[in-house]
């Protein structure tokens, strides 16, 4: 045995993009939890639903007695679904329902959840002749993040068909949605914004609204917010969702000082601010004056 110092994993450099050298410390695993008001579904229940919905389109590997995790390969992302017979700890799932209009006062149901299916995805690359996954071909890391998150969303939406599914919690977006609403978001939109990112809107004063996002950091982007808008919360919510869908779907990165076209005569200018909602850096969108346009 030598006295040679071993590398300290805590001193490792942050991950970087192999082509651009960009710091990728913003990257997070694509994970969502489907919550149930009953004991956890068995791996057989999970595997049967996945096979019924995806077989013939994507490869499905059902769980087994010695490994209860089922897997679905969607293009070059592998999605794993693991039943856990325990609730999410510390009331986190319930806290993430706060200020989400989609609950319409019914969020107390989240406190009744007893179990979960954890759904997570990663890119494993093409399968070689030996049956082992290889290194994935290079993909822009933001696109890779979106691909994995969308793969998770489609598997979770499929699993909402299981009896007792009541909610979906996405910790990285700080949002928990009703299971049926989550399924509708995913089924009806190529970029199902509320199933990927927390979007909250409400009245800021008697005559103005505000809105903000949480979770865009998982896609290498700053969160967005609008303050003191002379429009109903629903209109501001829709505008924010449209902007998020555009930035994710097109790959466009909004930058501080940029003017955004949002339809009609209005332009919005972006500025880097500390969000009063999250305490984190965010892009604040404010109307451009005639001189700024």
Foldseek 3Di string as FASTA:
>chain_A
DDPDDDDDPVPDDADAQPVPRHRPNLADWQKKKFFFLDFWDFLVVLQVLCCVVCPPPWDKAGADPVGSWIWTCDPQKIKIKAKFQAADPDCLLLQLAPQDCQCVPVSVVSVSTGIIIMMTMDGQADQDPVRHGDDHDDDDQLLRLQVRNLVSLVSLLSVLPDPGGFWMGGVLQSHIHGSVVSNCLSVPDPRSQVNQKPKHKDAPDPFFIKIWIGNCSNSVAFIEMEPGHRDGRVVVSVQSSVVVCCCSVVVDHDDQQDWDDRDDPWIWHWHWDQDPVPRHTHTYTDTDDPVSD
